[in-house]
C-alpha cells in the first residue's frame, strides 16, 4: 500500500516514468500478498481437515462411537420394551373387559332362564294379573340388564311360592 501511495504522490509531482513502475510494483506486491493469504488459509484448512479426518478414524473415536451406538441401541430396546408392555397391558385389559361382559351376559341369561322357570312353575298358584305383572317386570329388568332387580324379583317369586 505504501508503494501505491508513493506512486500517487510522484504522479502529482509530475515525475514521468517512475509512478507507472511503482504502481506496477505495488499491484504485484498486493496480489502476491493476497495470494500468500489465500494460500495460508487453504493450507490451514487442509491441515485442519487432515487432523479432523485422522481424529475421526483414531481408535479412541472408534471405541467412543461404538459405545454411543451400543447405548443408543440399549435405549431403543428399553423404549420398545416399555411400549410393548403398555400395549400388552392395554390389550389384556380390553380382553378382560370383553370376557367380563360376556360372563355377565351369560349369568344374566342363566338368571333370566331360572326366573322364567320359576314363573312357569308357580303360574297355577298365582292370579293371572299377578303372573302377568311378574312377567312384565321380568322382561323389563332383562332388557335393562338389571341384575340386582332380577335377583330381587327371583326372591319375590320365591317368597310368593313359600307363602302359598
N, C-alpha and C. Protein backbone atom coordinates (compact mmCIF):
# COMPACT_ATOMS: atom_id res chain seq x y z
N UNK A 1 0.83 -1.19 0.00
CA UNK A 1 0.00 0.00 0.00
C UNK A 1 0.88 1.26 0.00
N UNK A 2 2.00 1.17 0.75
CA UNK A 2 2.88 2.34 0.81
C UNK A 2 3.45 2.67 -0.56
N UNK A 3 3.75 1.66 -1.34
CA UNK A 3 4.32 1.90 -2.69
C UNK A 3 3.27 2.55 -3.58
N UNK A 4 2.02 2.10 -3.46
CA UNK A 4 0.95 2.71 -4.27
C UNK A 4 0.74 4.18 -3.89
N UNK A 5 0.81 4.46 -2.59
CA UNK A 5 0.70 5.87 -2.15
C UNK A 5 1.88 6.70 -2.67
N UNK A 6 3.06 6.11 -2.66
CA UNK A 6 4.24 6.81 -3.19
C UNK A 6 4.09 7.07 -4.68
N UNK A 7 3.56 6.09 -5.41
CA UNK A 7 3.34 6.27 -6.86
C UNK A 7 2.33 7.38 -7.09
N UNK A 8 1.31 7.47 -6.27
CA UNK A 8 0.31 8.53 -6.41
C UNK A 8 0.93 9.88 -6.13
N UNK A 9 1.77 9.96 -5.12
CA UNK A 9 2.45 11.21 -4.78
C UNK A 9 3.39 11.65 -5.90
N UNK A 10 4.10 10.70 -6.49
CA UNK A 10 5.02 11.04 -7.58
C UNK A 10 4.25 11.47 -8.84
N UNK A 11 3.06 10.94 -9.07
CA UNK A 11 2.29 11.37 -10.24
C UNK A 11 1.81 12.81 -10.05
N UNK A 12 1.60 13.22 -8.80
CA UNK A 12 1.24 14.62 -8.56
C UNK A 12 2.43 15.55 -8.80
N UNK A 13 3.59 15.01 -8.46
CA UNK A 13 4.79 15.81 -8.63
C UNK A 13 5.26 15.84 -10.08
N UNK A 14 4.62 15.10 -10.91
CA UNK A 14 4.89 15.05 -12.35
C UNK A 14 6.23 14.44 -12.69
N UNK A 15 6.61 13.38 -11.97
CA UNK A 15 7.80 12.61 -12.34
C UNK A 15 7.32 11.67 -13.44
N UNK A 16 8.02 11.63 -14.63
CA UNK A 16 7.44 10.99 -15.80
C UNK A 16 7.24 9.47 -15.72
N UNK A 17 8.19 8.61 -15.53
CA UNK A 17 8.03 7.17 -15.68
C UNK A 17 8.02 6.44 -14.35
N UNK A 18 8.48 7.04 -13.34
CA UNK A 18 8.59 6.38 -12.04
C UNK A 18 7.23 6.01 -11.44
N UNK A 19 6.21 6.83 -11.51
CA UNK A 19 4.91 6.42 -10.91
C UNK A 19 4.32 5.16 -11.56
N UNK A 20 4.51 5.01 -12.86
CA UNK A 20 3.98 3.82 -13.53
C UNK A 20 4.70 2.56 -13.05
N UNK A 21 5.97 2.63 -12.93
CA UNK A 21 6.75 1.47 -12.48
C UNK A 21 6.39 1.15 -11.03
N UNK A 22 6.29 2.17 -10.21
CA UNK A 22 5.94 1.94 -8.80
C UNK A 22 4.51 1.39 -8.67
N UNK A 23 3.56 1.84 -9.51
CA UNK A 23 2.19 1.31 -9.45
C UNK A 23 2.20 -0.16 -9.84
N UNK A 24 2.96 -0.52 -10.86
CA UNK A 24 3.03 -1.92 -11.27
C UNK A 24 3.63 -2.77 -10.14
N UNK A 25 4.69 -2.23 -9.54
CA UNK A 25 5.33 -2.95 -8.42
C UNK A 25 4.36 -3.08 -7.25
N UNK A 26 3.61 -2.05 -6.92
CA UNK A 26 2.63 -2.08 -5.81
C UNK A 26 1.53 -3.08 -6.08
N UNK A 27 1.04 -3.13 -7.34
CA UNK A 27 -0.02 -4.09 -7.68
C UNK A 27 0.49 -5.53 -7.58
N UNK A 28 1.70 -5.75 -8.05
CA UNK A 28 2.28 -7.10 -7.97
C UNK A 28 2.45 -7.51 -6.52
N UNK A 29 2.94 -6.59 -5.69
CA UNK A 29 3.12 -6.91 -4.27
C UNK A 29 1.78 -7.15 -3.58
N UNK A 30 0.75 -6.37 -3.93
CA UNK A 30 -0.58 -6.54 -3.34
C UNK A 30 -1.18 -7.89 -3.75
N UNK A 31 -1.04 -8.23 -5.02
CA UNK A 31 -1.55 -9.53 -5.49
C UNK A 31 -0.80 -10.69 -4.86
N UNK A 32 0.52 -10.54 -4.71
CA UNK A 32 1.30 -11.61 -4.09
C UNK A 32 0.94 -11.76 -2.60
N UNK A 33 0.68 -10.63 -1.92
CA UNK A 33 0.26 -10.71 -0.52
C UNK A 33 -1.10 -11.40 -0.41
N UNK A 34 -2.02 -11.09 -1.34
CA UNK A 34 -3.32 -11.73 -1.34
C UNK A 34 -3.18 -13.23 -1.62
N UNK A 35 -2.29 -13.59 -2.54
CA UNK A 35 -2.06 -15.00 -2.86
C UNK A 35 -1.48 -15.73 -1.66
N UNK A 36 -0.55 -15.08 -0.94
CA UNK A 36 0.03 -15.69 0.26
C UNK A 36 -1.06 -15.88 1.32
N UNK A 37 -1.94 -14.91 1.47
CA UNK A 37 -3.04 -15.00 2.43
C UNK A 37 -3.98 -16.15 2.07
N UNK A 38 -4.35 -16.24 0.80
CA UNK A 38 -5.23 -17.33 0.35
C UNK A 38 -4.53 -18.67 0.52
N UNK A 39 -3.28 -18.74 0.17
CA UNK A 39 -2.50 -19.99 0.33
C UNK A 39 -2.43 -20.41 1.79
N UNK A 40 -2.18 -19.44 2.68
CA UNK A 40 -2.11 -19.76 4.11
C UNK A 40 -3.46 -20.26 4.61
N UNK A 41 -4.54 -19.63 4.13
CA UNK A 41 -5.88 -20.08 4.52
C UNK A 41 -6.16 -21.49 4.03
N UNK A 42 -5.81 -21.75 2.77
CA UNK A 42 -6.02 -23.11 2.23
C UNK A 42 -5.15 -24.13 2.96
N UNK A 43 -3.91 -23.76 3.25
CA UNK A 43 -3.03 -24.68 3.96
C UNK A 43 -3.56 -24.96 5.37
N UNK A 44 -4.04 -23.93 6.03
CA UNK A 44 -4.61 -24.11 7.38
C UNK A 44 -5.87 -24.97 7.33
N UNK A 45 -6.71 -24.73 6.33
CA UNK A 45 -7.93 -25.54 6.19
C UNK A 45 -7.61 -26.98 5.88
N UNK A 46 -6.62 -27.20 5.01
CA UNK A 46 -6.20 -28.56 4.68
C UNK A 46 -5.62 -29.26 5.91
N UNK A 47 -4.80 -28.53 6.65
CA UNK A 47 -4.19 -29.10 7.86
C UNK A 47 -5.27 -29.47 8.87
N UNK A 48 -6.26 -28.60 9.03
CA UNK A 48 -7.35 -28.86 9.97
C UNK A 48 -8.20 -30.05 9.50
N UNK A 49 -8.43 -30.14 8.19
CA UNK A 49 -9.20 -31.27 7.64
C UNK A 49 -8.47 -32.58 7.86
N UNK A 50 -7.17 -32.58 7.60
CA UNK A 50 -6.38 -33.80 7.79
C UNK A 50 -6.40 -34.20 9.26
N UNK A 51 -6.25 -33.24 10.14
CA UNK A 51 -6.27 -33.53 11.58
C UNK A 51 -7.64 -34.08 12.01
N UNK A 52 -8.72 -33.50 11.47
CA UNK A 52 -10.07 -33.95 11.81
C UNK A 52 -10.32 -35.36 11.29
N UNK A 53 -9.88 -35.63 10.07
CA UNK A 53 -10.07 -36.97 9.49
C UNK A 53 -9.26 -37.99 10.27
N UNK A 54 -8.03 -37.65 10.62
CA UNK A 54 -7.19 -38.57 11.41
C UNK A 54 -7.83 -38.82 12.77
N UNK A 55 -8.38 -37.77 13.37
CA UNK A 55 -9.03 -37.92 14.67
C UNK A 55 -10.28 -38.79 14.54
N UNK A 56 -11.02 -38.63 13.44
CA UNK A 56 -12.24 -39.41 13.23
C UNK A 56 -11.94 -40.90 13.15
N UNK A 57 -10.85 -41.26 12.47
CA UNK A 57 -10.52 -42.66 12.30
C UNK A 57 -9.60 -43.20 13.40
N UNK A 58 -9.36 -42.42 14.43
CA UNK A 58 -8.50 -42.90 15.52
C UNK A 58 -9.24 -43.98 16.31
N UNK A 59 -8.48 -44.81 17.01
CA UNK A 59 -9.07 -45.93 17.75
C UNK A 59 -9.93 -45.44 18.92
N UNK A 60 -9.55 -44.33 19.53
CA UNK A 60 -10.36 -43.82 20.65
C UNK A 60 -11.73 -43.36 20.16
N UNK A 61 -11.73 -42.70 19.00
CA UNK A 61 -13.01 -42.24 18.45
C UNK A 61 -13.86 -43.42 17.98
N UNK A 62 -13.23 -44.45 17.41
CA UNK A 62 -13.97 -45.64 17.00
C UNK A 62 -14.64 -46.29 18.22
N UNK A 63 -13.85 -46.41 19.28
CA UNK A 63 -14.39 -47.02 20.51
C UNK A 63 -15.54 -46.18 21.05
N UNK A 64 -15.36 -44.88 21.03
CA UNK A 64 -16.40 -43.98 21.55
C UNK A 64 -17.68 -44.09 20.71
N UNK A 65 -17.53 -44.14 19.38
CA UNK A 65 -18.71 -44.29 18.51
C UNK A 65 -19.41 -45.62 18.75
N UNK A 66 -18.64 -46.68 18.92
CA UNK A 66 -19.23 -47.99 19.21
C UNK A 66 -20.00 -47.96 20.53
N UNK A 67 -19.41 -47.33 21.53
CA UNK A 67 -20.07 -47.21 22.83
C UNK A 67 -21.36 -46.40 22.71
N UNK A 68 -21.30 -45.29 22.00
CA UNK A 68 -22.51 -44.48 21.81
C UNK A 68 -23.58 -45.25 21.03
N UNK A 69 -23.16 -46.02 20.03
CA UNK A 69 -24.10 -46.83 19.28
C UNK A 69 -24.76 -47.87 20.19
N UNK A 70 -23.95 -48.52 21.02
CA UNK A 70 -24.50 -49.54 21.93
C UNK A 70 -25.47 -48.91 22.93
N UNK A 71 -25.12 -47.72 23.44
CA UNK A 71 -26.02 -47.03 24.38
C UNK A 71 -27.32 -46.63 23.69
N UNK A 72 -27.22 -46.14 22.47
CA UNK A 72 -28.43 -45.75 21.73
C UNK A 72 -29.30 -46.97 21.46
N UNK A 73 -28.68 -48.07 21.11
CA UNK A 73 -29.43 -49.31 20.85
C UNK A 73 -30.10 -49.79 22.13
N UNK A 74 -29.39 -49.71 23.25
CA UNK A 74 -29.96 -50.13 24.53
C UNK A 74 -31.15 -49.23 24.90
N UNK A 75 -31.02 -47.94 24.70
CA UNK A 75 -32.14 -47.02 24.96
C UNK A 75 -33.33 -47.35 24.06
N UNK A 76 -33.04 -47.66 22.82
CA UNK A 76 -34.11 -48.01 21.88
C UNK A 76 -34.82 -49.29 22.34
N UNK A 77 -34.06 -50.28 22.78
CA UNK A 77 -34.66 -51.53 23.25
C UNK A 77 -35.49 -51.29 24.50
N UNK A 78 -35.00 -50.42 25.40
CA UNK A 78 -35.78 -50.09 26.60
C UNK A 78 -37.10 -49.43 26.24
N UNK A 79 -37.05 -48.48 25.30
CA UNK A 79 -38.29 -47.81 24.88
C UNK A 79 -39.24 -48.80 24.22
N UNK A 80 -38.69 -49.67 23.39
CA UNK A 80 -39.51 -50.67 22.73
C UNK A 80 -40.15 -51.61 23.75
N UNK A 81 -39.38 -52.03 24.74
CA UNK A 81 -39.91 -52.89 25.80
C UNK A 81 -41.02 -52.19 26.56
N UNK A 82 -40.81 -50.93 26.89
CA UNK A 82 -41.83 -50.17 27.62
C UNK A 82 -43.13 -50.07 26.81
N UNK A 83 -43.00 -49.71 25.53
CA UNK A 83 -44.20 -49.55 24.73
C UNK A 83 -44.89 -50.89 24.46
N UNK A 84 -44.12 -51.95 24.35
CA UNK A 84 -44.74 -53.27 24.17
C UNK A 84 -45.48 -53.68 25.44
N UNK A 85 -44.90 -53.41 26.61
CA UNK A 85 -45.61 -53.76 27.85
C UNK A 85 -46.88 -52.93 27.99
N UNK A 86 -46.81 -51.66 27.62
CA UNK A 86 -48.02 -50.82 27.67
C UNK A 86 -49.07 -51.38 26.71
N UNK A 87 -48.63 -51.77 25.54
CA UNK A 87 -49.56 -52.32 24.55
C UNK A 87 -50.17 -53.63 25.05
N UNK A 88 -49.34 -54.50 25.62
CA UNK A 88 -49.86 -55.77 26.15
C UNK A 88 -50.85 -55.53 27.29
N UNK A 89 -50.52 -54.59 28.16
CA UNK A 89 -51.44 -54.28 29.26
C UNK A 89 -52.77 -53.77 28.72
N UNK A 90 -52.70 -52.94 27.70
CA UNK A 90 -53.93 -52.40 27.11
C UNK A 90 -54.78 -53.52 26.50
N UNK A 91 -54.15 -54.39 25.70
CA UNK A 91 -54.90 -55.47 25.06
C UNK A 91 -55.42 -56.47 26.08
N UNK A 92 -54.64 -56.74 27.13
CA UNK A 92 -55.11 -57.64 28.18
C UNK A 92 -56.31 -57.05 28.92
N UNK A 93 -56.25 -55.76 29.20
CA UNK A 93 -57.38 -55.10 29.86
C UNK A 93 -58.61 -55.13 28.96
N UNK A 94 -58.41 -54.92 27.67
CA UNK A 94 -59.52 -54.97 26.72
C UNK A 94 -60.13 -56.37 26.68
N UNK A 95 -59.26 -57.38 26.63
CA UNK A 95 -59.74 -58.76 26.61
C UNK A 95 -60.47 -59.10 27.92
N UNK A 96 -59.91 -58.66 29.03
CA UNK A 96 -60.53 -58.91 30.33
C UNK A 96 -61.91 -58.27 30.40
N UNK A 97 -62.02 -57.05 29.86
CA UNK A 97 -63.32 -56.35 29.85
C UNK A 97 -64.32 -57.11 28.99
N UNK A 98 -63.88 -57.58 27.82
CA UNK A 98 -64.78 -58.35 26.95
C UNK A 98 -65.24 -59.63 27.63
N UNK A 99 -64.29 -60.32 28.26
CA UNK A 99 -64.64 -61.56 28.96
C UNK A 99 -65.60 -61.30 30.11
N UNK A 100 -65.38 -60.21 30.83
CA UNK A 100 -66.26 -59.86 31.93
C UNK A 100 -67.67 -59.56 31.43
N UNK A 101 -67.76 -58.81 30.32
CA UNK A 101 -69.08 -58.52 29.76
C UNK A 101 -69.77 -59.79 29.30
N UNK A 102 -69.01 -60.68 28.63
CA UNK A 102 -69.59 -61.94 28.17
C UNK A 102 -70.04 -62.79 29.35
N UNK A 103 -69.25 -62.80 30.41
CA UNK A 103 -69.60 -63.57 31.61
C UNK A 103 -70.85 -62.97 32.26
N UNK A 104 -70.93 -61.65 32.31
CA UNK A 104 -72.11 -61.00 32.89
C UNK A 104 -73.36 -61.33 32.06
N UNK A 105 -73.22 -61.28 30.72
CA UNK A 105 -74.36 -61.63 29.86
C UNK A 105 -74.80 -63.07 30.09
N UNK A 106 -73.82 -63.96 30.21
CA UNK A 106 -74.12 -65.38 30.43
C UNK A 106 -74.88 -65.58 31.74
N UNK A 107 -74.40 -64.96 32.79
CA UNK A 107 -75.06 -65.10 34.09
C UNK A 107 -76.43 -64.44 34.10
N UNK A 108 -76.55 -63.32 33.42
CA UNK A 108 -77.84 -62.65 33.30
C UNK A 108 -78.83 -63.56 32.56
N UNK A 109 -78.35 -64.20 31.51
CA UNK A 109 -79.19 -65.12 30.75
C UNK A 109 -79.62 -66.32 31.62
N UNK A 110 -78.66 -66.89 32.37
CA UNK A 110 -78.98 -68.02 33.26
C UNK A 110 -79.98 -67.60 34.33
N UNK A 111 -79.80 -66.42 34.90
CA UNK A 111 -80.71 -65.92 35.93
C UNK A 111 -82.10 -65.69 35.34
N UNK A 112 -82.13 -65.14 34.13
CA UNK A 112 -83.41 -64.89 33.46
C UNK A 112 -84.13 -66.21 33.18
N UNK A 113 -83.39 -67.21 32.74
CA UNK A 113 -83.99 -68.52 32.48
C UNK A 113 -84.52 -69.14 33.78
N UNK A 114 -83.76 -68.99 34.86
CA UNK A 114 -84.20 -69.53 36.15
C UNK A 114 -85.49 -68.84 36.61
N UNK A 115 -85.57 -67.54 36.41
CA UNK A 115 -86.78 -66.80 36.79
C UNK A 115 -87.95 -67.25 35.92
N UNK A 116 -87.70 -67.44 34.63
CA UNK A 116 -88.76 -67.92 33.72
C UNK A 116 -89.27 -69.27 34.17
N UNK A 117 -88.36 -70.17 34.53
CA UNK A 117 -88.77 -71.49 35.00
C UNK A 117 -89.56 -71.39 36.30
N UNK A 118 -89.12 -70.51 37.20
CA UNK A 118 -89.86 -70.32 38.46
C UNK A 118 -91.26 -69.80 38.18
N UNK A 119 -91.35 -68.84 37.25
CA UNK A 119 -92.65 -68.26 36.92
C UNK A 119 -93.58 -69.32 36.33
N UNK A 120 -93.06 -70.13 35.43
CA UNK A 120 -93.92 -71.16 34.84
C UNK A 120 -94.30 -72.21 35.85
N UNK A 121 -93.44 -72.48 36.83
CA UNK A 121 -93.77 -73.48 37.85
C UNK A 121 -94.80 -72.96 38.85
N UNK A 122 -94.87 -71.64 39.06
CA UNK A 122 -95.83 -71.09 40.03
C UNK A 122 -97.03 -70.46 39.34
N UNK A 123 -97.14 -70.62 38.03
CA UNK A 123 -98.22 -70.00 37.27
C UNK A 123 -99.58 -70.44 37.79
N UNK A 124 -99.71 -71.71 38.13
CA UNK A 124 -101.01 -72.23 38.57
C UNK A 124 -101.37 -71.71 39.95
N UNK A 125 -100.39 -71.34 40.76
CA UNK A 125 -100.63 -70.89 42.13
C UNK A 125 -100.91 -69.38 42.21
N UNK A 126 -100.67 -68.64 41.13
CA UNK A 126 -100.81 -67.18 41.17
C UNK A 126 -102.03 -66.73 40.39
N UNK A 127 -102.49 -65.54 40.75
CA UNK A 127 -103.59 -64.93 40.00
C UNK A 127 -103.03 -64.49 38.65
N UNK A 128 -103.90 -64.40 37.65
CA UNK A 128 -103.49 -64.10 36.29
C UNK A 128 -102.84 -62.73 36.20
N UNK A 129 -103.40 -61.75 36.87
CA UNK A 129 -102.81 -60.40 36.79
C UNK A 129 -101.49 -60.31 37.54
N UNK A 130 -101.32 -61.04 38.63
CA UNK A 130 -100.04 -61.06 39.35
C UNK A 130 -98.98 -61.73 38.49
N UNK A 131 -99.38 -62.84 37.86
CA UNK A 131 -98.45 -63.55 36.97
C UNK A 131 -98.02 -62.65 35.81
N UNK A 132 -98.98 -61.95 35.21
CA UNK A 132 -98.67 -61.06 34.09
C UNK A 132 -97.77 -59.92 34.54
N UNK A 133 -98.03 -59.37 35.71
CA UNK A 133 -97.20 -58.28 36.25
C UNK A 133 -95.77 -58.76 36.50
N UNK A 134 -95.62 -59.98 37.04
CA UNK A 134 -94.29 -60.53 37.28
C UNK A 134 -93.56 -60.79 35.97
N UNK A 135 -94.28 -61.24 34.96
CA UNK A 135 -93.66 -61.45 33.64
C UNK A 135 -93.19 -60.13 33.04
N UNK A 136 -94.02 -59.09 33.18
CA UNK A 136 -93.63 -57.77 32.65
C UNK A 136 -92.40 -57.23 33.37
N UNK A 137 -92.40 -57.38 34.68
CA UNK A 137 -91.22 -56.94 35.45
C UNK A 137 -89.98 -57.71 34.98
N UNK A 138 -90.17 -59.03 34.82
CA UNK A 138 -89.05 -59.87 34.38
C UNK A 138 -88.52 -59.39 33.02
N UNK A 139 -89.40 -59.13 32.07
CA UNK A 139 -88.98 -58.68 30.73
C UNK A 139 -88.30 -57.32 30.81
N UNK A 140 -88.86 -56.42 31.61
CA UNK A 140 -88.28 -55.06 31.74
C UNK A 140 -86.87 -55.13 32.34
N UNK A 141 -86.70 -55.89 33.41
CA UNK A 141 -85.39 -55.99 34.07
C UNK A 141 -84.37 -56.69 33.16
N UNK A 142 -84.83 -57.65 32.38
CA UNK A 142 -83.93 -58.35 31.46
C UNK A 142 -83.45 -57.39 30.37
N UNK A 143 -84.37 -56.57 29.83
CA UNK A 143 -83.98 -55.58 28.81
C UNK A 143 -83.00 -54.56 29.39
N UNK A 144 -83.25 -54.16 30.62
CA UNK A 144 -82.37 -53.18 31.27
C UNK A 144 -81.05 -53.81 31.73
N UNK A 145 -80.99 -55.11 31.72
CA UNK A 145 -79.84 -55.87 32.22
C UNK A 145 -79.53 -55.49 33.67
N UNK A 146 -80.60 -55.40 34.45
CA UNK A 146 -80.51 -55.01 35.85
C UNK A 146 -80.46 -56.28 36.69
N UNK A 147 -79.28 -56.71 37.06
CA UNK A 147 -79.08 -57.96 37.78
C UNK A 147 -79.67 -57.86 39.18
N UNK A 148 -79.48 -56.75 39.83
CA UNK A 148 -79.98 -56.61 41.20
C UNK A 148 -81.51 -56.72 41.23
N UNK A 149 -82.17 -56.08 40.27
CA UNK A 149 -83.63 -56.15 40.21
C UNK A 149 -84.09 -57.56 39.89
N UNK A 150 -83.37 -58.27 39.02
CA UNK A 150 -83.73 -59.65 38.70
C UNK A 150 -83.58 -60.55 39.93
N UNK A 151 -82.53 -60.34 40.68
CA UNK A 151 -82.35 -61.12 41.91
C UNK A 151 -83.47 -60.83 42.91
N UNK A 152 -83.85 -59.58 42.99
CA UNK A 152 -84.94 -59.19 43.90
C UNK A 152 -86.26 -59.81 43.41
N UNK A 153 -86.49 -59.83 42.10
CA UNK A 153 -87.68 -60.44 41.55
C UNK A 153 -87.69 -61.95 41.83
N UNK A 154 -86.53 -62.58 41.69
CA UNK A 154 -86.44 -64.01 41.98
C UNK A 154 -86.77 -64.27 43.44
N UNK A 155 -86.28 -63.42 44.32
CA UNK A 155 -86.57 -63.55 45.75
C UNK A 155 -88.07 -63.34 46.01
N UNK A 156 -88.65 -62.38 45.32
CA UNK A 156 -90.08 -62.09 45.47
C UNK A 156 -90.91 -63.30 45.02
N UNK A 157 -90.53 -63.94 43.91
CA UNK A 157 -91.25 -65.11 43.41
C UNK A 157 -91.08 -66.26 44.39
N UNK A 158 -89.86 -66.41 44.94
CA UNK A 158 -89.63 -67.47 45.93
C UNK A 158 -90.49 -67.24 47.16
N UNK A 159 -90.63 -65.99 47.59
CA UNK A 159 -91.46 -65.66 48.75
C UNK A 159 -92.93 -65.96 48.45
N UNK A 160 -93.38 -65.70 47.23
CA UNK A 160 -94.78 -65.96 46.86
C UNK A 160 -95.08 -67.45 46.91
N UNK A 161 -94.12 -68.28 46.45
CA UNK A 161 -94.34 -69.72 46.46
C UNK A 161 -94.28 -70.27 47.88
N UNK A 162 -93.45 -69.66 48.74
CA UNK A 162 -93.36 -70.11 50.13
C UNK A 162 -94.65 -69.79 50.88
N UNK A 163 -95.26 -68.64 50.57
CA UNK A 163 -96.48 -68.22 51.27
C UNK A 163 -97.68 -69.05 50.87
N UNK A 164 -97.70 -69.59 49.70
CA UNK A 164 -98.90 -70.31 49.24
C UNK A 164 -98.82 -71.76 49.46
